[in-house]
C-alpha atoms as a PDB file:
ATOM      1  CA  HIS A   1      17.601   5.613  16.945  1.00  0.00           C
ATOM      2  CA  GLY A   2      18.964   3.437  14.227  1.00  0.00           C
ATOM      3  CA  GLU A   3      15.711   1.523  13.159  1.00  0.00           C
ATOM      4  CA  THR A   4      14.112   1.568  10.217  1.00  0.00           C
ATOM      5  CA  PRO A   5      10.330   2.785  10.182  1.00  0.00           C
ATOM      6  CA  GLU A   6       9.299  -1.028   9.693  1.00  0.00           C
ATOM      7  CA  GLU A   7      11.581  -2.262  12.354  1.00  0.00           C
ATOM      8  CA  CYS A   8      10.376   0.293  14.794  1.00  0.00           C
ATOM      9  CA  LEU A   9       6.647  -0.989  13.725  1.00  0.00           C
ATOM     10  CA  GLN A  10       7.606  -4.523  14.216  1.00  0.00           C
ATOM     11  CA  ARG A  11       9.254  -4.038  17.618  1.00  0.00           C
ATOM     12  CA  GLU A  12       6.517  -1.715  19.015  1.00  0.00           C
ATOM     13  CA  LEU A  13       3.704  -4.195  18.076  1.00  0.00           C
ATOM     14  CA  LEU A  14       5.516  -6.746  19.766  1.00  0.00           C
ATOM     15  CA  GLU A  15       6.175  -4.932  22.907  1.00  0.00           C
ATOM     16  CA  GLU A  16       2.633  -3.333  23.094  1.00  0.00           C
ATOM     17  CA  LEU A  17       0.468  -6.221  21.854  1.00  0.00           C
ATOM     18  CA  GLY A  18       2.835  -9.482  21.729  1.00  0.00           C
ATOM     19  CA  ILE A  19       2.512  -9.958  18.139  1.00  0.00           C
ATOM     20  CA  TYR A  20       4.790 -10.624  15.191  1.00  0.00           C
ATOM     21  CA  VAL A  21       3.679  -8.885  12.018  1.00  0.00           C
ATOM     22  CA  ARG A  22       4.647  -8.985   8.428  1.00  0.00           C
ATOM     23  CA  VAL A  23       5.146  -5.491   7.391  1.00  0.00           C
ATOM     24  CA  GLY A  24       3.426  -4.646   4.065  1.00  0.00           C
ATOM     25  CA  VAL A  25       2.446  -1.642   1.746  1.00  0.00           C
ATOM     26  CA  GLN A  26       3.696   1.610   3.094  1.00  0.00           C
ATOM     27  CA  LEU A  27       0.771   4.531   3.173  1.00  0.00           C
ATOM     28  CA  PRO A  28       1.882   8.157   2.673  1.00  0.00           C
ATOM     29  CA  THR A  29       3.393   9.731   5.632  1.00  0.00           C
ATOM     30  CA  SER A  30       1.300  11.850   7.793  1.00  0.00           C
ATOM     31  CA  GLU A  31       2.166  15.069   9.639  1.00  0.00           C
ATOM     32  CA  HIS A  32      -0.164  16.797  11.754  1.00  0.00           C
ATOM     33  CA  GLN A  33       0.457  19.946  14.129  1.00  0.00           C
ATOM     34  CA  TYR A  34      -1.304  19.950  17.295  1.00  0.00           C
ATOM     35  CA  PRO A  35      -1.361  23.029  19.441  1.00  0.00           C
ATOM     36  CA  THR A  36       1.637  22.165  21.632  1.00  0.00           C
ATOM     37  CA  PHE A  37       3.754  19.595  19.495  1.00  0.00           C
ATOM     38  CA  ALA A  38       3.849  18.204  15.931  1.00  0.00           C
ATOM     39  CA  ILE A  39       3.750  14.139  14.999  1.00  0.00           C
ATOM     40  CA  THR A  40       4.783  12.526  12.048  1.00  0.00           C
ATOM     41  CA  LEU A  41       3.144   9.174  11.279  1.00  0.00           C
ATOM     42  CA  TYR A  42       4.565   6.507   9.094  1.00  0.00           C
ATOM     43  CA  PRO A  43       1.840   4.041   8.499  1.00  0.00           C
ATOM     44  CA  PHE A  44       2.143   0.443   6.807  1.00  0.00           C
ATOM     45  CA  ILE A  45      -0.647  -2.078   6.064  1.00  0.00           C
ATOM     46  CA  CYS A  46       0.587  -5.060   8.201  1.00  0.00           C
ATOM     47  CA  SER A  47      -0.440  -8.549   8.761  1.00  0.00           C
ATOM     48  CA  ILE A  48       0.094 -10.765  11.856  1.00  0.00           C
ATOM     49  CA  GLU A  49       2.524 -13.634  11.353  1.00  0.00           C
ATOM     50  CA  SER A  50       2.184 -15.063  14.785  1.00  0.00           C
ATOM     51  CA  GLY A  51       1.382 -14.407  18.343  1.00  0.00           C
ATOM     52  CA  GLU A  52      -1.820 -13.622  20.163  1.00  0.00           C
ATOM     53  CA  ILE A  53      -2.822 -10.364  20.956  1.00  0.00           C
ATOM     54  CA  VAL A  54      -2.044  -9.088  24.570  1.00  0.00           C
ATOM     55  CA  LEU A  55      -2.679  -5.778  25.545  1.00  0.00           C
ATOM     56  CA  HIS A  56       0.485  -4.441  27.530  1.00  0.00           C
ATOM     57  CA  GLU A  57       0.116  -0.811  26.887  1.00  0.00           C
ATOM     58  CA  HIS A  58      -3.817  -0.547  25.941  1.00  0.00           C
ATOM     59  CA  THR A  59      -6.843  -0.957  27.923  1.00  0.00           C
ATOM     60  CA  ALA A  60      -9.142  -2.260  25.099  1.00  0.00           C
ATOM     61  CA  ALA A  61      -9.091  -3.264  21.237  1.00  0.00           C
ATOM     62  CA  ILE A  62     -11.669  -4.236  18.937  1.00  0.00           C
ATOM     63  CA  TRP A  63     -11.290  -5.535  15.165  1.00  0.00           C
ATOM     64  CA  LEU A  64     -13.419  -3.638  12.781  1.00  0.00           C
ATOM     65  CA  SER A  65     -14.255  -3.999   8.952  1.00  0.00           C
ATOM     66  CA  PRO A  66     -12.968  -1.155   6.896  1.00  0.00           C
ATOM     67  CA  LYS A  67     -16.404   0.216   6.285  1.00  0.00           C
ATOM     68  CA  ASP A  68     -16.978   0.513  10.278  1.00  0.00           C
ATOM     69  CA  LEU A  69     -13.680   2.390  11.048  1.00  0.00           C
ATOM     70  CA  HIS A  70     -15.815   5.645  11.198  1.00  0.00           C
ATOM     71  CA  ILE A  71     -17.353   4.842  14.247  1.00  0.00           C
ATOM     72  CA  LEU A  72     -14.156   5.127  16.370  1.00  0.00           C
ATOM     73  CA  GLU A  73     -13.663   8.793  17.607  1.00  0.00           C
ATOM     74  CA  TRP A  74      -9.794   8.957  15.965  1.00  0.00           C
ATOM     75  CA  ALA A  75      -7.145  11.475  17.036  1.00  0.00           C
ATOM     76  CA  GLU A  76      -6.856  14.370  14.207  1.00  0.00           C
ATOM     77  CA  ALA A  77      -3.259  12.929  13.425  1.00  0.00           C
ATOM     78  CA  ASP A  78      -4.858   9.578  12.614  1.00  0.00           C
ATOM     79  CA  ILE A  79      -7.552  10.682  10.142  1.00  0.00           C
ATOM     80  CA  SER A  80      -5.742  11.142   7.053  1.00  0.00           C
ATOM     81  CA  VAL A  81      -4.067   7.551   7.743  1.00  0.00           C
ATOM     82  CA  ILE A  82      -7.459   6.218   7.933  1.00  0.00           C
ATOM     83  CA  ASP A  83      -8.274   7.880   4.877  1.00  0.00           C
ATOM     84  CA  SER A  84      -5.262   6.685   2.923  1.00  0.00           C
ATOM     85  CA  TYR A  85      -5.795   3.113   4.165  1.00  0.00           C
ATOM     86  CA  LEU A  86      -9.397   3.284   2.698  1.00  0.00           C
ATOM     87  CA  ILE A  87      -8.476   4.808  -0.747  1.00  0.00           C
ATOM     88  CA  SER A  88      -5.462   1.968  -0.848  1.00  0.00           C
ATOM     89  CA  LEU A  89      -8.399  -0.835  -0.262  1.00  0.00           C
ATOM     90  CA  LYS A  90     -10.287   0.738  -3.396  1.00  0.00           C
ATOM     91  CA  ASP A  91      -7.213   0.975  -5.381  1.00  0.00           C
ATOM     92  CA  GLY A  92      -6.294  -2.815  -4.491  1.00  0.00           C
ATOM     93  CA  LYS A  93      -2.859  -2.287  -2.873  1.00  0.00           C
END
């Protein structure tokens, strides 16, 4: 409570991955209704400023080029975010 979406993202990435990021372009907000709950995502394009990725909350990580993002099995709520990200790359954002 009391954080901007950018501040929340920076805090979460530091807590979960041990990295400091520069928050860049905001992508369109994404809302998704699952059978038992709703979620709102506030996606941003970020770059790592410092730190080494250490997985505190996750069991695996992988770097993929944008053209390979489709190989992962994304949560339904994430699909529109991935689509927006790929469109932003084509638009040069």
